[in-house]
């Protein structure tokens, strides 16, 4: 079975309980959690005028195809009250497929690896906790290296 990595986040309601419920529902839908990161509190990304998030990452195994896994995660989000009305808006639960084995998938419905994961501290930090040597199949470097690059000071344009 392929190993998949998921990123979970919540910033509405009982955030911790939402993440716990999502993990339970993943198990009920054929996704076996092998390892879970610490849950961390993070500032919102994209749309900043909303409550802070709780985030974590999961290392899982599943016999579900990428499309079936996407359907399962979207159904779980709906069951836990997520309404997709505002891009990057508040939500009781968000489940992103970050990696699905070493596959590179680009369809109208699904992009794996997650196309913005390398820009998100709240995705990379929990991933590093559970598997720092995990290699990004597009960039060919570890998630630890991606996190280091993200946190490195960027030169000012005048310094170039």
C-alpha atoms as a PDB file:
ATOM      1  CA  UNK A   1       0.000   0.000   0.000  1.00  0.00           C
ATOM      2  CA  UNK A   2       1.266   3.494  -0.736  1.00  0.00           C
ATOM      3  CA  UNK A   3       2.354   5.771   2.086  1.00  0.00           C
ATOM      4  CA  UNK A   4       0.527   9.080   2.003  1.00  0.00           C
ATOM      5  CA  UNK A   5       1.084  12.265   3.959  1.00  0.00           C
ATOM      6  CA  UNK A   6      -1.825  14.459   4.959  1.00  0.00           C
ATOM      7  CA  UNK A   7      -1.962  17.915   6.503  1.00  0.00           C
ATOM      8  CA  UNK A   8      -4.885  18.740   8.792  1.00  0.00           C
ATOM      9  CA  UNK A   9      -5.967  22.130  10.058  1.00  0.00           C
ATOM     10  CA  UNK A  10      -8.848  23.647  12.009  1.00  0.00           C
ATOM     11  CA  UNK A  11      -9.686  27.182  13.129  1.00  0.00           C
ATOM     12  CA  UNK A  12     -13.412  27.002  13.925  1.00  0.00           C
ATOM     13  CA  UNK A  13     -15.215  25.518  16.888  1.00  0.00           C
ATOM     14  CA  UNK A  14     -13.440  22.962  19.037  1.00  0.00           C
ATOM     15  CA  UNK A  15     -10.309  22.862  16.912  1.00  0.00           C
ATOM     16  CA  UNK A  16      -8.607  19.949  18.677  1.00  0.00           C
ATOM     17  CA  UNK A  17     -11.787  17.898  18.705  1.00  0.00           C
ATOM     18  CA  UNK A  18     -12.245  18.591  14.975  1.00  0.00           C
ATOM     19  CA  UNK A  19      -8.780  17.212  14.210  1.00  0.00           C
ATOM     20  CA  UNK A  20      -9.383  14.178  16.424  1.00  0.00           C
ATOM     21  CA  UNK A  21     -12.726  13.518  14.710  1.00  0.00           C
ATOM     22  CA  UNK A  22     -11.137  13.830  11.257  1.00  0.00           C
ATOM     23  CA  UNK A  23      -8.396  11.327  12.168  1.00  0.00           C
ATOM     24  CA  UNK A  24     -11.035   8.893  13.447  1.00  0.00           C
ATOM     25  CA  UNK A  25     -13.082   9.280  10.260  1.00  0.00           C
ATOM     26  CA  UNK A  26      -9.994   8.752   8.096  1.00  0.00           C
ATOM     27  CA  UNK A  27      -9.533   5.393   9.833  1.00  0.00           C
ATOM     28  CA  UNK A  28     -13.180   4.530   9.185  1.00  0.00           C
ATOM     29  CA  UNK A  29     -12.622   5.310   5.489  1.00  0.00           C
ATOM     30  CA  UNK A  30      -9.650   3.025   4.832  1.00  0.00           C
ATOM     31  CA  UNK A  31      -6.788   5.323   5.832  1.00  0.00           C
ATOM     32  CA  UNK A  32      -4.498   3.773   8.468  1.00  0.00           C
ATOM     33  CA  UNK A  33      -2.559   6.379  10.438  1.00  0.00           C
ATOM     34  CA  UNK A  34       1.021   5.203  10.994  1.00  0.00           C
ATOM     35  CA  UNK A  35       2.320   8.334  12.679  1.00  0.00           C
ATOM     36  CA  UNK A  36       0.898  11.680  13.769  1.00  0.00           C
ATOM     37  CA  UNK A  37       2.814  14.885  14.471  1.00  0.00           C
ATOM     38  CA  UNK A  38       2.324  17.159  17.420  1.00  0.00           C
ATOM     39  CA  UNK A  39      -0.592  19.544  16.962  1.00  0.00           C
ATOM     40  CA  UNK A  40       0.718  23.104  16.641  1.00  0.00           C
ATOM     41  CA  UNK A  41      -1.034  26.469  16.670  1.00  0.00           C
ATOM     42  CA  UNK A  42      -0.270  28.669  13.665  1.00  0.00           C
ATOM     43  CA  UNK A  43      -1.252  31.987  12.182  1.00  0.00           C
ATOM     44  CA  UNK A  44      -3.702  31.870   9.262  1.00  0.00           C
ATOM     45  CA  UNK A  45      -2.239  31.651   5.754  1.00  0.00           C
ATOM     46  CA  UNK A  46      -3.561  33.563   2.770  1.00  0.00           C
ATOM     47  CA  UNK A  47      -6.452  35.313   4.493  1.00  0.00           C
ATOM     48  CA  UNK A  48      -5.051  36.590   7.776  1.00  0.00           C
ATOM     49  CA  UNK A  49      -8.128  38.196   9.368  1.00  0.00           C
ATOM     50  CA  UNK A  50      -9.420  35.015  11.003  1.00  0.00           C
ATOM     51  CA  UNK A  51      -8.692  32.879  14.089  1.00  0.00           C
ATOM     52  CA  UNK A  52      -5.454  30.932  14.512  1.00  0.00           C
ATOM     53  CA  UNK A  53      -5.279  27.346  13.286  1.00  0.00           C
ATOM     54  CA  UNK A  54      -4.347  24.088  14.903  1.00  0.00           C
ATOM     55  CA  UNK A  55      -2.341  21.995  12.414  1.00  0.00           C
ATOM     56  CA  UNK A  56      -0.776  18.561  12.276  1.00  0.00           C
ATOM     57  CA  UNK A  57       0.543  16.075   9.741  1.00  0.00           C
ATOM     58  CA  UNK A  58      -0.186  12.386   9.358  1.00  0.00           C
ATOM     59  CA  UNK A  59       1.816   9.568   7.789  1.00  0.00           C
ATOM     60  CA  UNK A  60      -0.697   6.995   6.565  1.00  0.00           C
ATOM     61  CA  UNK A  61      -1.198   3.896   4.450  1.00  0.00           C
ATOM     62  CA  UNK A  62      -4.233   3.335   2.263  1.00  0.00           C
ATOM     63  CA  UNK A  63      -5.437   1.091  -0.524  1.00  0.00           C
ATOM     64  CA  UNK A  64      -7.518   4.012  -1.819  1.00  0.00           C
ATOM     65  CA  UNK A  65      -6.499   5.465  -5.155  1.00  0.00           C
ATOM     66  CA  UNK A  66      -5.580   9.170  -5.155  1.00  0.00           C
ATOM     67  CA  UNK A  67      -9.050  10.054  -6.439  1.00  0.00           C
ATOM     68  CA  UNK A  68     -10.750   7.865  -3.848  1.00  0.00           C
ATOM     69  CA  UNK A  69      -8.612   9.423  -1.109  1.00  0.00           C
ATOM     70  CA  UNK A  70      -9.583  12.898  -2.301  1.00  0.00           C
ATOM     71  CA  UNK A  71     -13.274  11.919  -2.266  1.00  0.00           C
ATOM     72  CA  UNK A  72     -12.898  10.512   1.258  1.00  0.00           C
ATOM     73  CA  UNK A  73     -11.186  13.655   2.581  1.00  0.00           C
ATOM     74  CA  UNK A  74     -13.765  15.959   0.988  1.00  0.00           C
ATOM     75  CA  UNK A  75     -16.615  13.866   2.445  1.00  0.00           C
ATOM     76  CA  UNK A  76     -15.019  14.002   5.908  1.00  0.00           C
ATOM     77  CA  UNK A  77     -14.650  17.775   5.639  1.00  0.00           C
ATOM     78  CA  UNK A  78     -18.349  18.088   4.719  1.00  0.00           C
ATOM     79  CA  UNK A  79     -19.408  15.726   7.528  1.00  0.00           C
ATOM     80  CA  UNK A  80     -17.496  17.889  10.005  1.00  0.00           C
ATOM     81  CA  UNK A  81     -19.214  21.058   8.784  1.00  0.00           C
ATOM     82  CA  UNK A  82     -16.879  22.567   6.227  1.00  0.00           C
ATOM     83  CA  UNK A  83     -18.545  24.873   3.725  1.00  0.00           C
ATOM     84  CA  UNK A  84     -16.393  26.065   0.840  1.00  0.00           C
ATOM     85  CA  UNK A  85     -17.602  29.642   0.505  1.00  0.00           C
ATOM     86  CA  UNK A  86     -14.444  31.772   0.830  1.00  0.00           C
ATOM     87  CA  UNK A  87     -10.982  30.776  -0.426  1.00  0.00           C
ATOM     88  CA  UNK A  88      -8.657  30.349   2.576  1.00  0.00           C
ATOM     89  CA  UNK A  89     -11.531  31.260   4.881  1.00  0.00           C
ATOM     90  CA  UNK A  90     -12.237  29.865   8.363  1.00  0.00           C
ATOM     91  CA  UNK A  91     -13.085  26.177   8.513  1.00  0.00           C
ATOM     92  CA  UNK A  92     -13.767  23.512  11.103  1.00  0.00           C
ATOM     93  CA  UNK A  93     -11.452  21.110   9.243  1.00  0.00           C
ATOM     94  CA  UNK A  94      -9.148  21.107   6.254  1.00  0.00           C
ATOM     95  CA  UNK A  95      -7.494  17.922   5.009  1.00  0.00           C
ATOM     96  CA  UNK A  96      -4.863  18.249   2.301  1.00  0.00           C
ATOM     97  CA  UNK A  97      -3.141  15.402   0.491  1.00  0.00           C
ATOM     98  CA  UNK A  98       0.470  16.550   0.573  1.00  0.00           C
ATOM     99  CA  UNK A  99       2.155  13.428  -0.837  1.00  0.00           C
ATOM    100  CA  UNK A 100       0.813  10.173  -2.258  1.00  0.00           C
ATOM    101  CA  UNK A 101       3.826   7.889  -2.418  1.00  0.00           C
ATOM    102  CA  UNK A 102       6.235   9.428  -4.924  1.00  0.00           C
ATOM    103  CA  UNK A 103       3.480  10.158  -7.409  1.00  0.00           C
ATOM    104  CA  UNK A 104       3.132  13.432  -9.261  1.00  0.00           C
ATOM    105  CA  UNK A 105      -0.529  14.012 -10.087  1.00  0.00           C
ATOM    106  CA  UNK A 106      -1.932  17.038 -11.887  1.00  0.00           C
ATOM    107  CA  UNK A 107      -5.607  16.859 -12.804  1.00  0.00           C
ATOM    108  CA  UNK A 108      -8.411  19.399 -12.669  1.00  0.00           C
ATOM    109  CA  UNK A 109      -9.494  17.881  -9.334  1.00  0.00           C
ATOM    110  CA  UNK A 110      -6.210  16.978  -7.648  1.00  0.00           C
ATOM    111  CA  UNK A 111      -2.618  18.204  -7.476  1.00  0.00           C
ATOM    112  CA  UNK A 112      -0.075  16.033  -5.641  1.00  0.00           C
ATOM    113  CA  UNK A 113       2.373  16.895  -4.236  1.00  0.00           C
ATOM    114  CA  UNK A 114       0.334  19.743  -2.828  1.00  0.00           C
ATOM    115  CA  UNK A 115       1.391  22.675  -5.038  1.00  0.00           C
ATOM    116  CA  UNK A 116       1.948  25.124  -2.175  1.00  0.00           C
ATOM    117  CA  UNK A 117       3.260  22.819   0.567  1.00  0.00           C
ATOM    118  CA  UNK A 118       6.847  24.035   0.128  1.00  0.00           C
ATOM    119  CA  UNK A 119       5.696  27.578   1.032  1.00  0.00           C
ATOM    120  CA  UNK A 120       3.861  26.564   4.194  1.00  0.00           C
ATOM    121  CA  UNK A 121       5.723  26.360   7.467  1.00  0.00           C
ATOM    122  CA  UNK A 122       2.619  24.828   9.099  1.00  0.00           C
ATOM    123  CA  UNK A 123       2.821  21.897   6.646  1.00  0.00           C
ATOM    124  CA  UNK A 124       6.594  21.417   6.566  1.00  0.00           C
ATOM    125  CA  UNK A 125       7.267  21.626  10.313  1.00  0.00           C
ATOM    126  CA  UNK A 126       4.856  18.798  11.252  1.00  0.00           C
ATOM    127  CA  UNK A 127       6.056  16.730   8.266  1.00  0.00           C
ATOM    128  CA  UNK A 128       9.645  17.099   9.466  1.00  0.00           C
ATOM    129  CA  UNK A 129       8.624  15.866  12.888  1.00  0.00           C
ATOM    130  CA  UNK A 130       7.250  12.603  11.520  1.00  0.00           C
ATOM    131  CA  UNK A 131       9.647  12.058   8.568  1.00  0.00           C
ATOM    132  CA  UNK A 132      12.391  14.669   8.085  1.00  0.00           C
ATOM    133  CA  UNK A 133      14.059  12.662   5.320  1.00  0.00           C
ATOM    134  CA  UNK A 134      10.917  12.548   3.191  1.00  0.00           C
ATOM    135  CA  UNK A 135      11.859  13.683  -0.317  1.00  0.00           C
ATOM    136  CA  UNK A 136       9.663  15.991  -2.360  1.00  0.00           C
ATOM    137  CA  UNK A 137       9.211  14.183  -5.709  1.00  0.00           C
ATOM    138  CA  UNK A 138       9.196  17.401  -7.755  1.00  0.00           C
ATOM    139  CA  UNK A 139      12.020  19.328  -6.051  1.00  0.00           C
ATOM    140  CA  UNK A 140      14.146  16.283  -5.185  1.00  0.00           C
ATOM    141  CA  UNK A 141      15.054  17.549  -1.711  1.00  0.00           C
ATOM    142  CA  UNK A 142      13.908  16.600   1.777  1.00  0.00           C
ATOM    143  CA  UNK A 143      11.080  18.347   3.585  1.00  0.00           C
ATOM    144  CA  UNK A 144      13.739  19.362   6.155  1.00  0.00           C
ATOM    145  CA  UNK A 145      15.671  21.177   3.390  1.00  0.00           C
ATOM    146  CA  UNK A 146      12.470  22.837   2.153  1.00  0.00           C
ATOM    147  CA  UNK A 147      11.727  24.053   5.691  1.00  0.00           C
ATOM    148  CA  UNK A 148      15.291  25.370   6.062  1.00  0.00           C
ATOM    149  CA  UNK A 149      14.986  27.237   2.762  1.00  0.00           C
ATOM    150  CA  UNK A 150      11.598  28.662   3.749  1.00  0.00           C
ATOM    151  CA  UNK A 151      12.949  29.956   7.055  1.00  0.00           C
ATOM    152  CA  UNK A 152      16.173  31.366   5.582  1.00  0.00           C
ATOM    153  CA  UNK A 153      16.318  35.151   5.362  1.00  0.00           C
ATOM    154  CA  UNK A 154      15.648  36.370   1.851  1.00  0.00           C
ATOM    155  CA  UNK A 155      18.049  38.952   0.415  1.00  0.00           C
ATOM    156  CA  UNK A 156      16.592  42.378  -0.191  1.00  0.00           C
ATOM    157  CA  UNK A 157      16.412  43.239  -3.935  1.00  0.00           C
ATOM    158  CA  UNK A 158      18.842  46.128  -3.350  1.00  0.00           C
ATOM    159  CA  UNK A 159      21.419  43.642  -2.010  1.00  0.00           C
ATOM    160  CA  UNK A 160      21.614  41.733  -5.296  1.00  0.00           C
END
